[in-house]
PDB file of N, CA and C in Angstrom:
ATOM      1  N   MET A   1     169.909  76.523 210.465  1.00  0.00           N
ATOM      2  CA  MET A   1     169.544  77.486 209.593  1.00  0.00           C
ATOM      3  C   MET A   1     170.632  78.867 210.036  1.00  0.00           C
ATOM      4  N   LEU A   2     171.039  79.486 208.932  1.00  0.00           N
ATOM      5  CA  LEU A   2     172.076  80.352 209.246  1.00  0.00           C
ATOM      6  C   LEU A   2     171.096  81.596 208.657  1.00  0.00           C
ATOM      7  N   PHE A   3     171.641  82.670 209.326  1.00  0.00           N
ATOM      8  CA  PHE A   3     171.066  84.329 209.131  1.00  0.00           C
ATOM      9  C   PHE A   3     172.006  85.122 208.845  1.00  0.00           C
ATOM     10  N   LYS A   4     172.010  86.006 208.046  1.00  0.00           N
ATOM     11  CA  LYS A   4     173.561  86.877 208.063  1.00  0.00           C
ATOM     12  C   LYS A   4     172.300  88.135 208.733  1.00  0.00           C
ATOM     13  N   VAL A   5     173.170  88.801 209.622  1.00  0.00           N
ATOM     14  CA  VAL A   5     172.607  90.042 210.751  1.00  0.00           C
ATOM     15  C   VAL A   5     173.751  91.341 210.188  1.00  0.00           C
ATOM     16  N   VAL A   6     172.768  92.030 210.258  1.00  0.00           N
ATOM     17  CA  VAL A   6     173.870  93.576 210.311  1.00  0.00           C
ATOM     18  C   VAL A   6     173.844  93.961 211.743  1.00  0.00           C
ATOM     19  N   LEU A   7     175.314  94.215 212.542  1.00  0.00           N
ATOM     20  CA  LEU A   7     175.365  94.453 213.921  1.00  0.00           C
ATOM     21  C   LEU A   7     175.808  95.970 213.606  1.00  0.00           C
ATOM     22  N   GLU A   8     175.607  97.355 214.640  1.00  0.00           N
ATOM     23  CA  GLU A   8     176.014  98.292 214.447  1.00  0.00           C
ATOM     24  C   GLU A   8     176.148  99.107 215.821  1.00  0.00           C
ATOM     25  N   LYS A   9     177.584  99.901 215.986  1.00  0.00           N
ATOM     26  CA  LYS A   9     177.260 100.522 217.092  1.00  0.00           C
ATOM     27  C   LYS A   9     176.445 101.284 217.292  1.00  0.00           C
ATOM     28  N   ALA A  10     175.666 101.611 218.332  1.00  0.00           N
ATOM     29  CA  ALA A  10     174.671 102.451 218.302  1.00  0.00           C
ATOM     30  C   ALA A  10     175.043 103.886 219.144  1.00  0.00           C
ATOM     31  N   GLU A  11     174.429 104.938 218.614  1.00  0.00           N
ATOM     32  CA  GLU A  11     175.187 106.333 218.879  1.00  0.00           C
ATOM     33  C   GLU A  11     174.988 106.572 220.357  1.00  0.00           C
ATOM     34  N   GLU A  12     173.965 105.967 221.250  1.00  0.00           N
ATOM     35  CA  GLU A  12     173.701 105.874 222.557  1.00  0.00           C
ATOM     36  C   GLU A  12     174.878 104.812 223.722  1.00  0.00           C
ATOM     37  N   GLY A  13     175.593 104.207 222.587  1.00  0.00           N
ATOM     38  CA  GLY A  13     176.354 103.214 223.460  1.00  0.00           C
ATOM     39  C   GLY A  13     175.779 101.751 223.065  1.00  0.00           C
ATOM     40  N   GLY A  14     176.374 100.706 223.286  1.00  0.00           N
ATOM     41  CA  GLY A  14     175.729  99.576 223.003  1.00  0.00           C
ATOM     42  C   GLY A  14     175.748  99.110 221.276  1.00  0.00           C
ATOM     43  N   TYR A  15     174.796  98.477 221.149  1.00  0.00           N
ATOM     44  CA  TYR A  15     174.953  97.717 219.771  1.00  0.00           C
ATOM     45  C   TYR A  15     173.392  97.506 219.472  1.00  0.00           C
ATOM     46  N   VAL A  16     173.041  97.388 218.127  1.00  0.00           N
ATOM     47  CA  VAL A  16     171.775  97.446 217.367  1.00  0.00           C
ATOM     48  C   VAL A  16     172.097  96.339 216.246  1.00  0.00           C
ATOM     49  N   VAL A  17     171.224  95.492 216.063  1.00  0.00           N
ATOM     50  CA  VAL A  17     171.382  94.196 215.355  1.00  0.00           C
ATOM     51  C   VAL A  17     170.247  94.063 214.215  1.00  0.00           C
ATOM     52  N   TYR A  18     170.127  93.634 213.091  1.00  0.00           N
ATOM     53  CA  TYR A  18     168.839  93.467 212.659  1.00  0.00           C
ATOM     54  C   TYR A  18     169.085  92.573 211.416  1.00  0.00           C
ATOM     55  N   VAL A  19     168.281  91.507 210.817  1.00  0.00           N
ATOM     56  CA  VAL A  19     168.418  90.659 210.214  1.00  0.00           C
ATOM     57  C   VAL A  19     167.693  90.865 208.738  1.00  0.00           C
ATOM     58  N   PRO A  20     168.070  91.413 207.915  1.00  0.00           N
ATOM     59  CA  PRO A  20     167.646  91.932 206.474  1.00  0.00           C
ATOM     60  C   PRO A  20     166.744  91.026 206.038  1.00  0.00           C
ATOM     61  N   SER A  21     166.623  89.767 205.987  1.00  0.00           N
ATOM     62  CA  SER A  21     165.948  88.828 205.620  1.00  0.00           C
ATOM     63  C   SER A  21     164.525  88.519 206.260  1.00  0.00           C
ATOM     64  N   LEU A  22     164.445  89.288 207.804  1.00  0.00           N
ATOM     65  CA  LEU A  22     163.117  88.853 208.194  1.00  0.00           C
ATOM     66  C   LEU A  22     162.834  90.671 208.681  1.00  0.00           C
ATOM     67  N   GLN A  23     161.940  90.894 207.900  1.00  0.00           N
ATOM     68  CA  GLN A  23     161.865  92.116 208.290  1.00  0.00           C
ATOM     69  C   GLN A  23     161.137  92.512 209.599  1.00  0.00           C
ATOM     70  N   GLY A  24     161.546  93.605 210.235  1.00  0.00           N
ATOM     71  CA  GLY A  24     161.046  94.466 211.294  1.00  0.00           C
ATOM     72  C   GLY A  24     161.818  93.315 212.315  1.00  0.00           C
ATOM     73  N   CYS A  25     162.648  92.302 212.071  1.00  0.00           N
ATOM     74  CA  CYS A  25     163.495  91.757 213.146  1.00  0.00           C
ATOM     75  C   CYS A  25     164.563  92.359 213.742  1.00  0.00           C
ATOM     76  N   ILE A  26     164.264  92.899 214.511  1.00  0.00           N
ATOM     77  CA  ILE A  26     165.735  93.812 215.236  1.00  0.00           C
ATOM     78  C   ILE A  26     165.927  93.682 216.557  1.00  0.00           C
ATOM     79  N   SER A  27     167.429  93.896 217.226  1.00  0.00           N
ATOM     80  CA  SER A  27     167.368  93.621 219.261  1.00  0.00           C
ATOM     81  C   SER A  27     168.572  94.339 219.050  1.00  0.00           C
ATOM     82  N   GLN A  28     168.471  94.632 220.331  1.00  0.00           N
ATOM     83  CA  GLN A  28     169.916  95.023 220.961  1.00  0.00           C
ATOM     84  C   GLN A  28     170.667  94.736 222.145  1.00  0.00           C
ATOM     85  N   GLY A  29     171.737  95.458 222.505  1.00  0.00           N
ATOM     86  CA  GLY A  29     172.070  94.771 223.618  1.00  0.00           C
ATOM     87  C   GLY A  29     173.553  95.707 223.706  1.00  0.00           C
ATOM     88  N   GLU A  30     173.895  95.762 225.162  1.00  0.00           N
ATOM     89  CA  GLU A  30     175.178  96.729 225.669  1.00  0.00           C
ATOM     90  C   GLU A  30     176.313  96.192 224.998  1.00  0.00           C
ATOM     91  N   SER A  31     176.741  94.658 224.666  1.00  0.00           N
ATOM     92  CA  SER A  31     178.207  94.157 224.334  1.00  0.00           C
ATOM     93  C   SER A  31     177.708  93.685 223.199  1.00  0.00           C
ATOM     94  N   LYS A  32     178.876  93.145 222.055  1.00  0.00           N
ATOM     95  CA  LYS A  32     178.625  92.064 220.654  1.00  0.00           C
ATOM     96  C   LYS A  32     178.185  90.919 221.288  1.00  0.00           C
ATOM     97  N   GLU A  33     178.395  90.396 222.235  1.00  0.00           N
ATOM     98  CA  GLU A  33     177.654  88.913 222.620  1.00  0.00           C
ATOM     99  C   GLU A  33     176.596  89.325 223.109  1.00  0.00           C
ATOM    100  N   GLU A  34     175.826  90.023 223.848  1.00  0.00           N
ATOM    101  CA  GLU A  34     174.630  90.117 224.571  1.00  0.00           C
ATOM    102  C   GLU A  34     173.891  90.116 223.426  1.00  0.00           C
ATOM    103  N   THR A  35     174.450  91.239 222.072  1.00  0.00           N
ATOM    104  CA  THR A  35     173.371  91.568 221.491  1.00  0.00           C
ATOM    105  C   THR A  35     173.145  90.338 220.191  1.00  0.00           C
ATOM    106  N   LEU A  36     174.023  89.736 220.194  1.00  0.00           N
ATOM    107  CA  LEU A  36     173.904  88.505 219.214  1.00  0.00           C
ATOM    108  C   LEU A  36     172.872  87.231 219.651  1.00  0.00           C
ATOM    109  N   GLU A  37     172.925  86.970 220.901  1.00  0.00           N
ATOM    110  CA  GLU A  37     172.317  86.286 221.763  1.00  0.00           C
ATOM    111  C   GLU A  37     170.760  86.643 221.891  1.00  0.00           C
ATOM    112  N   ASN A  38     170.368  88.182 221.677  1.00  0.00           N
ATOM    113  CA  ASN A  38     169.203  88.842 221.661  1.00  0.00           C
ATOM    114  C   ASN A  38     168.384  88.487 220.075  1.00  0.00           C
ATOM    115  N   ILE A  39     169.500  88.369 219.276  1.00  0.00           N
ATOM    116  CA  ILE A  39     169.099  88.483 217.779  1.00  0.00           C
ATOM    117  C   ILE A  39     168.554  87.166 218.097  1.00  0.00           C
ATOM    118  N   LYS A  40     169.238  86.285 218.457  1.00  0.00           N
ATOM    119  CA  LYS A  40     168.943  84.830 218.563  1.00  0.00           C
ATOM    120  C   LYS A  40     167.550  84.605 218.988  1.00  0.00           C
ATOM    121  N   GLU A  41     167.366  84.985 220.157  1.00  0.00           N
ATOM    122  CA  GLU A  41     165.688  84.795 220.618  1.00  0.00           C
ATOM    123  C   GLU A  41     164.706  86.074 219.958  1.00  0.00           C
ATOM    124  N   ALA A  42     165.092  87.081 219.367  1.00  0.00           N
ATOM    125  CA  ALA A  42     164.473  87.327 218.410  1.00  0.00           C
ATOM    126  C   ALA A  42     163.501  86.642 217.039  1.00  0.00           C
ATOM    127  N   ILE A  43     165.112  86.188 216.504  1.00  0.00           N
ATOM    128  CA  ILE A  43     164.636  85.186 215.364  1.00  0.00           C
ATOM    129  C   ILE A  43     164.015  83.948 215.732  1.00  0.00           C
ATOM    130  N   GLU A  44     164.128  83.686 216.554  1.00  0.00           N
ATOM    131  CA  GLU A  44     163.158  82.322 217.051  1.00  0.00           C
ATOM    132  C   GLU A  44     161.695  82.804 217.320  1.00  0.00           C
ATOM    133  N   VAL A  45     161.338  83.950 218.154  1.00  0.00           N
ATOM    134  CA  VAL A  45     160.005  84.546 218.167  1.00  0.00           C
ATOM    135  C   VAL A  45     159.433  84.803 216.948  1.00  0.00           C
ATOM    136  N   TYR A  46     160.141  85.522 215.725  1.00  0.00           N
ATOM    137  CA  TYR A  46     159.930  85.834 214.643  1.00  0.00           C
ATOM    138  C   TYR A  46     159.335  84.597 213.803  1.00  0.00           C
ATOM    139  N   LEU A  47     159.937  83.452 213.605  1.00  0.00           N
ATOM    140  CA  LEU A  47     159.678  82.664 213.427  1.00  0.00           C
ATOM    141  C   LEU A  47     158.576  81.452 213.989  1.00  0.00           C
ATOM    142  N   ASP A  48     158.226  81.423 215.188  1.00  0.00           N
ATOM    143  CA  ASP A  48     157.614  80.721 215.653  1.00  0.00           C
ATOM    144  C   ASP A  48     156.180  81.240 215.568  1.00  0.00           C
ATOM    145  N   ILE A  49     155.413  80.862 214.428  1.00  0.00           N
ATOM    146  CA  ILE A  49     154.055  81.188 214.303  1.00  0.00           C
ATOM    147  C   ILE A  49     153.101  79.631 214.770  1.00  0.00           C
ATOM    148  N   ASN A  50     151.920  79.923 215.443  1.00  0.00           N
ATOM    149  CA  ASN A  50     151.496  78.665 215.867  1.00  0.00           C
ATOM    150  C   ASN A  50     150.340  78.358 214.517  1.00  0.00           C
ATOM    151  N   ASP A  51     150.006  76.911 214.745  1.00  0.00           N
ATOM    152  CA  ASP A  51     148.841  76.551 213.470  1.00  0.00           C
ATOM    153  C   ASP A  51     147.496  77.418 213.543  1.00  0.00           C
ATOM    154  N   ALA A  52     147.131  77.708 214.734  1.00  0.00           N
ATOM    155  CA  ALA A  52     146.085  78.649 215.158  1.00  0.00           C
ATOM    156  C   ALA A  52     146.151  79.756 214.152  1.00  0.00           C
ATOM    157  N   GLU A  53     147.372  80.516 214.380  1.00  0.00           N
ATOM    158  CA  GLU A  53     147.255  81.686 213.954  1.00  0.00           C
ATOM    159  C   GLU A  53     147.541  81.603 212.346  1.00  0.00           C
ATOM    160  N   ILE A  54     147.960  80.653 211.459  1.00  0.00           N
ATOM    161  CA  ILE A  54     148.208  80.235 210.572  1.00  0.00           C
ATOM    162  C   ILE A  54     146.828  79.735 209.713  1.00  0.00           C
ATOM    163  N   GLU A  55     145.941  79.042 210.633  1.00  0.00           N
ATOM    164  CA  GLU A  55     144.296  79.295 210.169  1.00  0.00           C
ATOM    165  C   GLU A  55     143.475  79.899 210.130  1.00  0.00           C
ATOM    166  N   GLU A  56     143.834  81.103 211.226  1.00  0.00           N
ATOM    167  CA  GLU A  56     142.901  82.207 211.406  1.00  0.00           C
ATOM    168  C   GLU A  56     143.449  82.862 209.995  1.00  0.00           C
ATOM    169  N   GLN A  57     144.461  83.129 209.732  1.00  0.00           N
ATOM    170  CA  GLN A  57     145.017  84.119 208.367  1.00  0.00           C
ATOM    171  C   GLN A  57     144.267  83.186 207.054  1.00  0.00           C
ATOM    172  N   LEU A  58     144.144  82.527 207.109  1.00  0.00           N
ATOM    173  CA  LEU A  58     143.767  81.256 205.978  1.00  0.00           C
ATOM    174  C   LEU A  58     142.448  81.509 205.531  1.00  0.00           C
ATOM    175  N   GLN A  59     141.730  81.563 206.821  1.00  0.00           N
ATOM    176  CA  GLN A  59     140.142  81.551 206.358  1.00  0.00           C
ATOM    177  C   GLN A  59     139.633  82.423 205.321  1.00  0.00           C
ATOM    178  N   GLY A  60     138.834  81.231 204.566  1.00  0.00           N
ATOM    179  CA  GLY A  60     138.029  82.287 203.562  1.00  0.00           C
ATOM    180  C   GLY A  60     138.791  82.107 202.426  1.00  0.00           C
ATOM    181  N   LYS A  61     140.035  82.061 201.899  1.00  0.00           N
ATOM    182  CA  LYS A  61     140.894  81.808 201.579  1.00  0.00           C
ATOM    183  C   LYS A  61     141.280  80.458 200.438  1.00  0.00           C
ATOM    184  N   LYS A  62     141.288  80.731 199.212  1.00  0.00           N
ATOM    185  CA  LYS A  62     141.794  79.414 198.383  1.00  0.00           C
ATOM    186  C   LYS A  62     142.902  78.972 198.372  1.00  0.00           C
ATOM    187  N   ALA A  63     143.931  78.404 199.865  1.00  0.00           N
ATOM    188  CA  ALA A  63     145.134  78.519 199.660  1.00  0.00           C
ATOM    189  C   ALA A  63     145.208  77.001 200.984  1.00  0.00           C
ATOM    190  N   GLU A  64     146.506  76.264 200.903  1.00  0.00           N
ATOM    191  CA  GLU A  64     147.158  75.620 201.452  1.00  0.00           C
ATOM    192  C   GLU A  64     148.244  75.964 202.317  1.00  0.00           C
ATOM    193  N   VAL A  65     148.612  74.973 203.407  1.00  0.00           N
ATOM    194  CA  VAL A  65     149.861  74.974 204.265  1.00  0.00           C
ATOM    195  C   VAL A  65     150.620  74.006 203.692  1.00  0.00           C
ATOM    196  N   VAL A  66     152.019  74.239 203.140  1.00  0.00           N
ATOM    197  CA  VAL A  66     152.757  73.243 202.766  1.00  0.00           C
ATOM    198  C   VAL A  66     154.184  73.624 203.584  1.00  0.00           C
ATOM    199  N   GLU A  67     154.907  72.676 204.156  1.00  0.00           N
ATOM    200  CA  GLU A  67     155.729  72.459 204.910  1.00  0.00           C
ATOM    201  C   GLU A  67     157.139  72.642 204.003  1.00  0.00           C
ATOM    202  N   ILE A  68     158.373  72.997 203.619  1.00  0.00           N
ATOM    203  CA  ILE A  68     159.494  72.931 203.176  1.00  0.00           C
ATOM    204  C   ILE A  68     160.548  73.119 204.322  1.00  0.00           C
ATOM    205  N   SER A  69     161.689  71.984 203.863  1.00  0.00           N
ATOM    206  CA  SER A  69     163.068  72.494 204.476  1.00  0.00           C
ATOM    207  C   SER A  69     163.910  73.633 203.774  1.00  0.00           C
ATOM    208  N   ILE A  70     164.978  74.254 204.613  1.00  0.00           N
ATOM    209  CA  ILE A  70     165.789  74.931 203.963  1.00  0.00           C
ATOM    210  C   ILE A  70     167.231  74.315 203.852  1.00  0.00           C
TER     211      ILE A  70
END
C-alpha cells in the first residue's frame, strides 16, 4: 500500500511529516530518514483497529463490516 506524505522542515530543527489522506496522522524526526521511518510506524498504528473496537462502534447500528483490498 502506498501513501503520499508531506515532509516539511520544522522551524525548531528536524522535520515534520503528515499523511493528507489519514486525518491526524503526523510524526516528526531529526533527519529525513528518521522522520520517514516514524511516519511508517504512525501509519501502521493509525490503520491497526482491532475487531473488538469495530464491534463496539457498531453496537446498536444497522451496519456490517466488509473487507476490501486496495
